[in-house]
Amino acid sequence: MKETKVYLLDGGTMALDRSYLFLEAGLAGEERFPVYGVLIDHPDGKFLFDTGFDKDHVCKTAPFTKPQQTERQTLPGQLDLLKMRPSEITHVINSHYHLDHCGGNKYCTCATTVCHHLELQAFSAPSESEMVGYSDTSFAPNLRRDYSAAQAQDTAERAAETARKVEASAMDIFTPRFETLGGDQEIAKGIHLFETLGHTAGHYSLMVTLANRRPMLFTADACYSQKNLDMMCIQAGNHDPEQARASLQRLKDLAEKYDAELFFSHDAESYKNYRKAPLPYL
């Protein structure tokens, strides 16, 4: 049987002040950090965990993050290193729908898109404070309009039912369908999603088990860096700061329980030592 392989897809870099990256830690000064996706080439399909950012969109909506990305660092460019096309991706799994994690979704035209049901609802109707984070709607451009129109026509009691209908039927823009989940899930053999809520309403972290190494536990934005974990310090801009702090501890507990190696979402120091595509983890 085909062995599972994992590839890290380099998506470029962004920058923020350390006062944002390390909330209330007394740190300052700009820090540039990596953005990447994770391709799992699995016997059951090609699973892509997060898809990076679209540079043009970020330059328009969040220029303060100073995005840097070459053509080779776009999702099509990274897949080309592996002699793959975006249409070969069978599943896109989004940790959450912030603009630096879903910018390449639109290229995966044949994929089922997987996310937490609370995250899809948050993306569909973001609060004013979350509008910039949830601003990249390129992979489902009609969703927010359809959701808002349906809510305006319905009573409050029917809003939840409306949301479910939108999830089921309004997403056929670039992908055949969305699959929404809740709680911890093993979505394919050795591919685990763990609820790490707080950064957003429906955030997932990912663990992959491989034949020849320790499990790989990808924190996504539940933990930006090793330093955040060491300090037990969350970043700014969380949906629920208390949940976010609890998720830091959960990641520590999961790493210990499964003897997993942690891979952080935005850690320039750790990223230097990560193996990037076209080299695989086996």
C-alpha atoms as a PDB file:
ATOM      1  CA  MET A   1       0.000   0.000   0.000  1.00  0.00           C
ATOM      2  CA  LYS A   2       1.112   3.542  -0.744  1.00  0.00           C
ATOM      3  CA  GLU A   3       2.777   5.246   2.238  1.00  0.00           C
ATOM      4  CA  THR A   4       1.588   8.622   3.458  1.00  0.00           C
ATOM      5  CA  LYS A   5       3.907  11.529   2.726  1.00  0.00           C
ATOM      6  CA  VAL A   6       3.753  15.080   4.074  1.00  0.00           C
ATOM      7  CA  TYR A   7       5.059  18.154   2.269  1.00  0.00           C
ATOM      8  CA  LEU A   8       5.330  21.680   3.652  1.00  0.00           C
ATOM      9  CA  LEU A   9       4.379  24.250   1.009  1.00  0.00           C
ATOM     10  CA  ASP A  10       6.200  27.548   1.451  1.00  0.00           C
ATOM     11  CA  GLY A  11       3.734  30.416   1.000  1.00  0.00           C
ATOM     12  CA  GLY A  12       5.952  33.452   1.599  1.00  0.00           C
ATOM     13  CA  THR A  13       6.125  35.750   4.616  1.00  0.00           C
ATOM     14  CA  MET A  14       4.227  38.491   6.434  1.00  0.00           C
ATOM     15  CA  ALA A  15       5.200  40.852   9.253  1.00  0.00           C
ATOM     16  CA  LEU A  16       3.601  42.166  12.446  1.00  0.00           C
ATOM     17  CA  ASP A  17       4.773  43.934  15.574  1.00  0.00           C
ATOM     18  CA  ARG A  18       5.802  41.712  18.489  1.00  0.00           C
ATOM     19  CA  SER A  19       3.244  43.484  20.660  1.00  0.00           C
ATOM     20  CA  TYR A  20       0.639  41.695  18.501  1.00  0.00           C
ATOM     21  CA  LEU A  21       2.465  38.396  18.266  1.00  0.00           C
ATOM     22  CA  PHE A  22       3.026  38.211  22.053  1.00  0.00           C
ATOM     23  CA  LEU A  23       0.070  39.807  23.783  1.00  0.00           C
ATOM     24  CA  GLU A  24       0.889  41.788  26.935  1.00  0.00           C
ATOM     25  CA  ALA A  25       4.443  40.394  27.046  1.00  0.00           C
ATOM     26  CA  GLY A  26       6.142  43.784  26.810  1.00  0.00           C
ATOM     27  CA  LEU A  27       7.815  42.970  23.491  1.00  0.00           C
ATOM     28  CA  ALA A  28       8.050  45.377  20.562  1.00  0.00           C
ATOM     29  CA  GLY A  29       9.565  45.683  17.112  1.00  0.00           C
ATOM     30  CA  GLU A  30       8.598  44.195  13.771  1.00  0.00           C
ATOM     31  CA  GLU A  31       8.947  40.454  13.222  1.00  0.00           C
ATOM     32  CA  ARG A  32       8.703  38.736   9.845  1.00  0.00           C
ATOM     33  CA  PHE A  33       7.251  35.234   9.916  1.00  0.00           C
ATOM     34  CA  PRO A  34       6.506  32.376   7.494  1.00  0.00           C
ATOM     35  CA  VAL A  35       3.167  31.264   6.089  1.00  0.00           C
ATOM     36  CA  TYR A  36       2.823  27.723   4.763  1.00  0.00           C
ATOM     37  CA  GLY A  37       0.413  24.949   3.894  1.00  0.00           C
ATOM     38  CA  VAL A  38       0.633  21.205   4.504  1.00  0.00           C
ATOM     39  CA  LEU A  39       0.054  18.649   1.757  1.00  0.00           C
ATOM     40  CA  ILE A  40      -0.700  15.097   2.915  1.00  0.00           C
ATOM     41  CA  ASP A  41      -0.312  12.627   0.055  1.00  0.00           C
ATOM     42  CA  HIS A  42      -2.392   9.794   1.521  1.00  0.00           C
ATOM     43  CA  PRO A  43      -3.724   6.483   0.164  1.00  0.00           C
ATOM     44  CA  ASP A  44      -7.240   7.969   0.367  1.00  0.00           C
ATOM     45  CA  GLY A  45      -6.424  11.184  -1.488  1.00  0.00           C
ATOM     46  CA  LYS A  46      -4.442  14.405  -1.448  1.00  0.00           C
ATOM     47  CA  PHE A  47      -5.334  16.448   1.650  1.00  0.00           C
ATOM     48  CA  LEU A  48      -4.249  20.077   1.886  1.00  0.00           C
ATOM     49  CA  PHE A  49      -4.227  21.739   5.314  1.00  0.00           C
ATOM     50  CA  ASP A  50      -4.427  25.519   4.805  1.00  0.00           C
ATOM     51  CA  THR A  51      -3.490  27.234   1.576  1.00  0.00           C
ATOM     52  CA  GLY A  52      -1.593  30.403   2.506  1.00  0.00           C
ATOM     53  CA  PHE A  53      -2.426  33.911   1.330  1.00  0.00           C
ATOM     54  CA  ASP A  54      -3.161  35.699  -1.905  1.00  0.00           C
ATOM     55  CA  LYS A  55      -0.632  38.538  -2.109  1.00  0.00           C
ATOM     56  CA  ASP A  56      -2.830  40.907  -4.129  1.00  0.00           C
ATOM     57  CA  HIS A  57      -5.718  40.501  -1.701  1.00  0.00           C
ATOM     58  CA  VAL A  58      -3.539  41.028   1.373  1.00  0.00           C
ATOM     59  CA  CYS A  59      -1.902  44.095  -0.162  1.00  0.00           C
ATOM     60  CA  LYS A  60      -5.365  45.613  -0.622  1.00  0.00           C
ATOM     61  CA  THR A  61      -6.959  44.636   2.686  1.00  0.00           C
ATOM     62  CA  ALA A  62      -4.095  44.270   5.174  1.00  0.00           C
ATOM     63  CA  PRO A  63      -1.062  46.078   3.742  1.00  0.00           C
ATOM     64  CA  PHE A  64       0.303  46.619   7.271  1.00  0.00           C
ATOM     65  CA  THR A  65       1.329  42.921   7.234  1.00  0.00           C
ATOM     66  CA  LYS A  66       3.828  43.677   4.421  1.00  0.00           C
ATOM     67  CA  PRO A  67       3.306  40.400   2.512  1.00  0.00           C
ATOM     68  CA  GLN A  68       6.167  38.985   0.465  1.00  0.00           C
ATOM     69  CA  GLN A  69       5.473  36.159  -1.977  1.00  0.00           C
ATOM     70  CA  THR A  70       7.037  35.039  -5.245  1.00  0.00           C
ATOM     71  CA  GLU A  71       5.192  33.194  -7.992  1.00  0.00           C
ATOM     72  CA  ARG A  72       6.959  30.028  -6.863  1.00  0.00           C
ATOM     73  CA  GLN A  73       5.459  30.550  -3.378  1.00  0.00           C
ATOM     74  CA  THR A  74       1.861  30.612  -4.598  1.00  0.00           C
ATOM     75  CA  LEU A  75      -0.096  27.394  -4.164  1.00  0.00           C
ATOM     76  CA  PRO A  76       0.126  26.469  -7.886  1.00  0.00           C
ATOM     77  CA  GLY A  77       3.847  27.230  -7.801  1.00  0.00           C
ATOM     78  CA  GLN A  78       4.440  24.987  -4.791  1.00  0.00           C
ATOM     79  CA  LEU A  79       2.402  22.121  -6.197  1.00  0.00           C
ATOM     80  CA  ASP A  80       4.345  22.420  -9.441  1.00  0.00           C
ATOM     81  CA  LEU A  81       7.488  21.534  -7.458  1.00  0.00           C
ATOM     82  CA  LEU A  82       5.789  18.193  -6.814  1.00  0.00           C
ATOM     83  CA  LYS A  83       4.572  17.791 -10.404  1.00  0.00           C
ATOM     84  CA  MET A  84       0.989  18.213  -9.156  1.00  0.00           C
ATOM     85  CA  ARG A  85      -1.880  20.450 -10.186  1.00  0.00           C
ATOM     86  CA  PRO A  86      -4.375  22.100  -7.822  1.00  0.00           C
ATOM     87  CA  SER A  87      -7.159  20.103  -9.474  1.00  0.00           C
ATOM     88  CA  GLU A  88      -5.581  16.928  -8.027  1.00  0.00           C
ATOM     89  CA  ILE A  89      -6.282  18.034  -4.456  1.00  0.00           C
ATOM     90  CA  THR A  90      -9.169  15.937  -3.155  1.00  0.00           C
ATOM     91  CA  HIS A  91      -9.681  17.704   0.204  1.00  0.00           C
ATOM     92  CA  VAL A  92      -8.881  21.178   1.484  1.00  0.00           C
ATOM     93  CA  ILE A  93      -8.897  21.279   5.277  1.00  0.00           C
ATOM     94  CA  ASN A  94      -8.895  24.788   6.716  1.00  0.00           C
ATOM     95  CA  SER A  95      -7.761  25.317  10.282  1.00  0.00           C
ATOM     96  CA  HIS A  96      -9.762  28.547  10.054  1.00  0.00           C
ATOM     97  CA  TYR A  97     -10.710  31.104   7.421  1.00  0.00           C
ATOM     98  CA  HIS A  98      -8.391  34.009   8.130  1.00  0.00           C
ATOM     99  CA  LEU A  99      -6.937  35.491   4.978  1.00  0.00           C
ATOM    100  CA  ASP A 100      -3.462  33.957   5.444  1.00  0.00           C
ATOM    101  CA  HIS A 101      -4.879  30.425   5.619  1.00  0.00           C
ATOM    102  CA  CYS A 102      -7.377  30.241   2.740  1.00  0.00           C
ATOM    103  CA  GLY A 103      -5.873  32.347  -0.059  1.00  0.00           C
ATOM    104  CA  GLY A 104      -5.172  29.334  -2.261  1.00  0.00           C
ATOM    105  CA  ASN A 105      -8.505  27.572  -1.750  1.00  0.00           C
ATOM    106  CA  LYS A 106      -9.850  29.012  -4.978  1.00  0.00           C
ATOM    107  CA  TYR A 107      -7.361  26.990  -7.044  1.00  0.00           C
ATOM    108  CA  CYS A 108      -8.563  23.626  -5.719  1.00  0.00           C
ATOM    109  CA  THR A 109     -11.550  23.307  -8.016  1.00  0.00           C
ATOM    110  CA  CYS A 110     -12.172  19.586  -7.466  1.00  0.00           C
ATOM    111  CA  ALA A 111     -11.717  19.415  -3.695  1.00  0.00           C
ATOM    112  CA  THR A 112     -14.156  18.827  -0.889  1.00  0.00           C
ATOM    113  CA  THR A 113     -13.539  21.616   1.613  1.00  0.00           C
ATOM    114  CA  VAL A 114     -13.477  20.585   5.267  1.00  0.00           C
ATOM    115  CA  CYS A 115     -13.863  22.888   8.271  1.00  0.00           C
ATOM    116  CA  HIS A 116     -15.444  23.229  11.697  1.00  0.00           C
ATOM    117  CA  HIS A 117     -19.146  24.083  11.464  1.00  0.00           C
ATOM    118  CA  LEU A 118     -18.653  27.063  13.810  1.00  0.00           C
ATOM    119  CA  GLU A 119     -15.898  28.384  11.572  1.00  0.00           C
ATOM    120  CA  LEU A 120     -18.099  28.330   8.493  1.00  0.00           C
ATOM    121  CA  GLN A 121     -20.754  30.238  10.390  1.00  0.00           C
ATOM    122  CA  ALA A 122     -18.211  32.813  11.577  1.00  0.00           C
ATOM    123  CA  PHE A 123     -16.890  33.235   8.039  1.00  0.00           C
ATOM    124  CA  SER A 124     -20.425  33.574   6.687  1.00  0.00           C
ATOM    125  CA  ALA A 125     -21.375  36.391   9.055  1.00  0.00           C
ATOM    126  CA  PRO A 126     -18.263  37.913  10.660  1.00  0.00           C
ATOM    127  CA  SER A 127     -18.443  40.552  13.340  1.00  0.00           C
ATOM    128  CA  GLU A 128     -17.134  44.014  12.501  1.00  0.00           C
ATOM    129  CA  SER A 129     -13.879  43.326  14.370  1.00  0.00           C
ATOM    130  CA  GLU A 130     -13.312  40.143  12.323  1.00  0.00           C
ATOM    131  CA  MET A 131     -14.046  41.537   8.860  1.00  0.00           C
ATOM    132  CA  VAL A 132     -10.400  41.987   7.818  1.00  0.00           C
ATOM    133  CA  GLY A 133      -9.430  38.512   9.010  1.00  0.00           C
ATOM    134  CA  TYR A 134     -12.332  36.959   7.119  1.00  0.00           C
ATOM    135  CA  SER A 135     -11.998  39.219   4.078  1.00  0.00           C
ATOM    136  CA  ASP A 136     -10.793  36.677   1.492  1.00  0.00           C
ATOM    137  CA  THR A 137     -14.026  35.278   0.083  1.00  0.00           C
ATOM    138  CA  SER A 138     -12.516  34.336  -3.289  1.00  0.00           C
ATOM    139  CA  PHE A 139     -13.205  30.606  -2.833  1.00  0.00           C
ATOM    140  CA  ALA A 140     -16.912  31.185  -2.060  1.00  0.00           C
ATOM    141  CA  PRO A 141     -17.821  34.694  -3.241  1.00  0.00           C
ATOM    142  CA  ASN A 142     -21.584  34.294  -2.897  1.00  0.00           C
ATOM    143  CA  LEU A 143     -21.652  32.774   0.564  1.00  0.00           C
ATOM    144  CA  ARG A 144     -21.663  35.956   2.639  1.00  0.00           C
ATOM    145  CA  ARG A 145     -24.246  37.663   0.450  1.00  0.00           C
ATOM    146  CA  ASP A 146     -26.519  34.610   0.427  1.00  0.00           C
ATOM    147  CA  TYR A 147     -26.181  34.113   4.159  1.00  0.00           C
ATOM    148  CA  SER A 148     -26.936  37.762   4.941  1.00  0.00           C
ATOM    149  CA  ALA A 149     -29.936  37.848   2.644  1.00  0.00           C
ATOM    150  CA  ALA A 150     -31.353  34.692   4.150  1.00  0.00           C
ATOM    151  CA  GLN A 151     -30.892  35.978   7.689  1.00  0.00           C
ATOM    152  CA  ALA A 152     -32.607  39.254   6.828  1.00  0.00           C
ATOM    153  CA  GLN A 153     -35.644  37.357   5.584  1.00  0.00           C
ATOM    154  CA  ASP A 154     -35.817  34.898   8.489  1.00  0.00           C
ATOM    155  CA  THR A 155     -36.741  35.306  12.111  1.00  0.00           C
ATOM    156  CA  ALA A 156     -34.111  34.862  14.804  1.00  0.00           C
ATOM    157  CA  GLU A 157     -35.539  31.441  15.644  1.00  0.00           C
ATOM    158  CA  ARG A 158     -34.881  30.222  12.116  1.00  0.00           C
ATOM    159  CA  ALA A 159     -31.376  31.687  11.772  1.00  0.00           C
ATOM    160  CA  ALA A 160     -29.627  28.477  12.801  1.00  0.00           C
ATOM    161  CA  GLU A 161     -31.639  26.458  10.271  1.00  0.00           C
ATOM    162  CA  THR A 162     -30.808  29.030   7.614  1.00  0.00           C
ATOM    163  CA  ALA A 163     -27.120  28.619   8.395  1.00  0.00           C
ATOM    164  CA  ARG A 164     -27.370  24.859   7.929  1.00  0.00           C
ATOM    165  CA  LYS A 165     -29.109  25.296   4.586  1.00  0.00           C
ATOM    166  CA  VAL A 166     -26.441  27.727   3.436  1.00  0.00           C
ATOM    167  CA  GLU A 167     -23.704  25.288   4.451  1.00  0.00           C
ATOM    168  CA  ALA A 168     -25.385  22.531   2.472  1.00  0.00           C
ATOM    169  CA  SER A 169     -26.296  24.370  -0.706  1.00  0.00           C
ATOM    170  CA  ALA A 170     -24.693  27.775  -1.140  1.00  0.00           C
ATOM    171  CA  MET A 171     -21.082  26.684  -1.411  1.00  0.00           C
ATOM    172  CA  ASP A 172     -20.989  25.261  -4.924  1.00  0.00           C
ATOM    173  CA  ILE A 173     -18.833  28.055  -6.307  1.00  0.00           C
ATOM    174  CA  PHE A 174     -15.320  26.648  -6.645  1.00  0.00           C
ATOM    175  CA  THR A 175     -15.683  23.328  -4.837  1.00  0.00           C
ATOM    176  CA  PRO A 176     -18.239  20.529  -5.208  1.00  0.00           C
ATOM    177  CA  ARG A 177     -19.222  20.731  -1.553  1.00  0.00           C
ATOM    178  CA  PHE A 178     -18.269  21.689   1.975  1.00  0.00           C
ATOM    179  CA  GLU A 179     -18.054  19.151   4.781  1.00  0.00           C
ATOM    180  CA  THR A 180     -18.487  20.650   8.239  1.00  0.00           C
ATOM    181  CA  LEU A 181     -17.353  18.925  11.408  1.00  0.00           C
ATOM    182  CA  GLY A 182     -17.449  19.380  15.155  1.00  0.00           C
ATOM    183  CA  GLY A 183     -15.287  17.983  17.935  1.00  0.00           C
ATOM    184  CA  ASP A 184     -12.131  15.942  17.412  1.00  0.00           C
ATOM    185  CA  GLN A 185     -12.152  13.846  14.251  1.00  0.00           C
ATOM    186  CA  GLU A 186     -10.025  11.300  12.414  1.00  0.00           C
ATOM    187  CA  ILE A 187     -10.973  12.171   8.840  1.00  0.00           C
ATOM    188  CA  ALA A 188      -8.765   9.502   7.247  1.00  0.00           C
ATOM    189  CA  LYS A 189      -6.457   6.893   8.720  1.00  0.00           C
ATOM    190  CA  GLY A 190      -3.746   8.783  10.597  1.00  0.00           C
ATOM    191  CA  ILE A 191      -5.133  12.266   9.851  1.00  0.00           C
ATOM    192  CA  HIS A 192      -6.547  13.775  13.036  1.00  0.00           C
ATOM    193  CA  LEU A 193      -8.231  17.123  13.616  1.00  0.00           C
ATOM    194  CA  PHE A 194      -8.228  18.474  17.164  1.00  0.00           C
ATOM    195  CA  GLU A 195     -10.420  21.326  18.343  1.00  0.00           C
ATOM    196  CA  THR A 196      -8.193  24.182  19.488  1.00  0.00           C
ATOM    197  CA  LEU A 197     -10.757  26.927  19.801  1.00  0.00           C
ATOM    198  CA  GLY A 198     -10.212  30.531  20.750  1.00  0.00           C
ATOM    199  CA  HIS A 199      -8.205  32.120  17.972  1.00  0.00           C
ATOM    200  CA  THR A 200     -11.427  31.760  16.004  1.00  0.00           C
ATOM    201  CA  ALA A 201     -14.795  30.241  16.858  1.00  0.00           C
ATOM    202  CA  GLY A 202     -14.061  26.958  15.052  1.00  0.00           C
ATOM    203  CA  HIS A 203     -10.289  26.496  14.912  1.00  0.00           C
ATOM    204  CA  TYR A 204      -8.704  23.100  14.215  1.00  0.00           C
ATOM    205  CA  SER A 205      -5.148  21.853  14.619  1.00  0.00           C
ATOM    206  CA  LEU A 206      -3.938  18.829  12.646  1.00  0.00           C
ATOM    207  CA  MET A 207      -1.925  15.731  13.517  1.00  0.00           C
ATOM    208  CA  VAL A 208      -0.570  13.280  10.952  1.00  0.00           C
ATOM    209  CA  THR A 209       0.923   9.910  11.829  1.00  0.00           C
ATOM    210  CA  LEU A 210       3.644   8.562   9.542  1.00  0.00           C
ATOM    211  CA  ALA A 211       5.416   5.218   9.242  1.00  0.00           C
ATOM    212  CA  ASN A 212       8.967   6.303   9.977  1.00  0.00           C
ATOM    213  CA  ARG A 213       8.857   9.227  12.409  1.00  0.00           C
ATOM    214  CA  ARG A 214       7.002  10.775  15.330  1.00  0.00           C
ATOM    215  CA  PRO A 215       3.525  12.183  14.617  1.00  0.00           C
ATOM    216  CA  MET A 216       3.492  15.708  13.201  1.00  0.00           C
ATOM    217  CA  LEU A 217       1.193  18.072  15.118  1.00  0.00           C
ATOM    218  CA  PHE A 218       0.480  21.280  13.219  1.00  0.00           C
ATOM    219  CA  THR A 219      -0.733  23.944  15.620  1.00  0.00           C
ATOM    220  CA  ALA A 220      -2.042  26.398  13.010  1.00  0.00           C
ATOM    221  CA  ASP A 221      -2.897  29.674  14.741  1.00  0.00           C
ATOM    222  CA  ALA A 222      -3.695  28.079  18.084  1.00  0.00           C
ATOM    223  CA  CYS A 223       0.031  28.671  18.649  1.00  0.00           C
ATOM    224  CA  TYR A 224       2.152  30.929  16.449  1.00  0.00           C
ATOM    225  CA  SER A 225       5.571  29.869  17.727  1.00  0.00           C
ATOM    226  CA  GLN A 226       7.663  27.883  20.171  1.00  0.00           C
ATOM    227  CA  LYS A 227       8.160  31.118  22.097  1.00  0.00           C
ATOM    228  CA  ASN A 228       4.400  31.580  22.476  1.00  0.00           C
ATOM    229  CA  LEU A 229       4.181  28.073  23.905  1.00  0.00           C
ATOM    230  CA  ASP A 230       7.178  28.469  26.212  1.00  0.00           C
ATOM    231  CA  MET A 231       5.739  31.711  27.587  1.00  0.00           C
ATOM    232  CA  MET A 232       2.131  30.426  27.486  1.00  0.00           C
ATOM    233  CA  CYS A 233       1.471  33.725  25.739  1.00  0.00           C
ATOM    234  CA  ILE A 234      -1.282  34.121  23.149  1.00  0.00           C
ATOM    235  CA  GLN A 235      -1.212  36.574  20.274  1.00  0.00           C
ATOM    236  CA  ALA A 236      -3.631  39.478  19.905  1.00  0.00           C
ATOM    237  CA  GLY A 237      -6.772  39.343  17.776  1.00  0.00           C
ATOM    238  CA  ASN A 238      -8.366  36.219  19.238  1.00  0.00           C
ATOM    239  CA  HIS A 239     -12.088  35.507  19.132  1.00  0.00           C
ATOM    240  CA  ASP A 240     -11.995  34.245  22.745  1.00  0.00           C
ATOM    241  CA  PRO A 241      -8.722  34.875  24.658  1.00  0.00           C
ATOM    242  CA  GLU A 242      -9.546  32.456  27.487  1.00  0.00           C
ATOM    243  CA  GLN A 243     -10.288  29.646  25.046  1.00  0.00           C
ATOM    244  CA  ALA A 244      -7.071  30.525  23.207  1.00  0.00           C
ATOM    245  CA  ARG A 245      -5.035  30.144  26.403  1.00  0.00           C
ATOM    246  CA  ALA A 246      -6.710  26.803  27.100  1.00  0.00           C
ATOM    247  CA  SER A 247      -5.817  25.659  23.572  1.00  0.00           C
ATOM    248  CA  LEU A 248      -2.136  26.409  24.202  1.00  0.00           C
ATOM    249  CA  GLN A 249      -2.258  23.999  27.113  1.00  0.00           C
ATOM    250  CA  ARG A 250      -4.204  21.485  25.032  1.00  0.00           C
ATOM    251  CA  LEU A 251      -1.469  21.472  22.402  1.00  0.00           C
ATOM    252  CA  LYS A 252       1.121  20.775  25.093  1.00  0.00           C
ATOM    253  CA  ASP A 253      -1.014  17.920  26.402  1.00  0.00           C
ATOM    254  CA  LEU A 254      -1.595  16.464  22.931  1.00  0.00           C
ATOM    255  CA  ALA A 255       2.112  16.578  22.098  1.00  0.00           C
ATOM    256  CA  GLU A 256       2.883  14.692  25.304  1.00  0.00           C
ATOM    257  CA  LYS A 257       0.057  12.177  24.878  1.00  0.00           C
ATOM    258  CA  TYR A 258       1.025  11.207  21.329  1.00  0.00           C
ATOM    259  CA  ASP A 259       4.765  11.943  21.556  1.00  0.00           C
ATOM    260  CA  ALA A 260       4.164  14.323  18.656  1.00  0.00           C
ATOM    261  CA  GLU A 261       6.507  16.915  17.198  1.00  0.00           C
ATOM    262  CA  LEU A 262       4.938  20.366  17.130  1.00  0.00           C
ATOM    263  CA  PHE A 263       5.019  22.416  13.932  1.00  0.00           C
ATOM    264  CA  PHE A 264       4.130  26.066  14.544  1.00  0.00           C
ATOM    265  CA  SER A 265       2.261  28.269  12.096  1.00  0.00           C
ATOM    266  CA  HIS A 266       4.321  31.464  12.149  1.00  0.00           C
ATOM    267  CA  ASP A 267       7.692  30.714  13.756  1.00  0.00           C
ATOM    268  CA  ALA A 268      10.644  32.038  11.767  1.00  0.00           C
ATOM    269  CA  GLU A 269      13.228  30.270  13.956  1.00  0.00           C
ATOM    270  CA  SER A 270      11.577  26.847  13.858  1.00  0.00           C
ATOM    271  CA  TYR A 271      10.747  27.185  10.169  1.00  0.00           C
ATOM    272  CA  LYS A 272      14.435  27.353   9.256  1.00  0.00           C
ATOM    273  CA  ASN A 273      14.735  23.709  10.288  1.00  0.00           C
ATOM    274  CA  TYR A 274      11.546  22.436   8.671  1.00  0.00           C
ATOM    275  CA  ARG A 275      11.865  20.352   5.522  1.00  0.00           C
ATOM    276  CA  LYS A 276      10.117  22.113   2.621  1.00  0.00           C
ATOM    277  CA  ALA A 277       8.687  20.774  -0.638  1.00  0.00           C
ATOM    278  CA  PRO A 278       9.730  19.055  -2.790  1.00  0.00           C
ATOM    279  CA  LEU A 279      11.366  17.134   0.094  1.00  0.00           C
ATOM    280  CA  PRO A 280       8.862  14.892   1.955  1.00  0.00           C
ATOM    281  CA  TYR A 281       8.362  13.758   5.510  1.00  0.00           C
ATOM    282  CA  LEU A 282       7.794   9.975   5.537  1.00  0.00           C
END
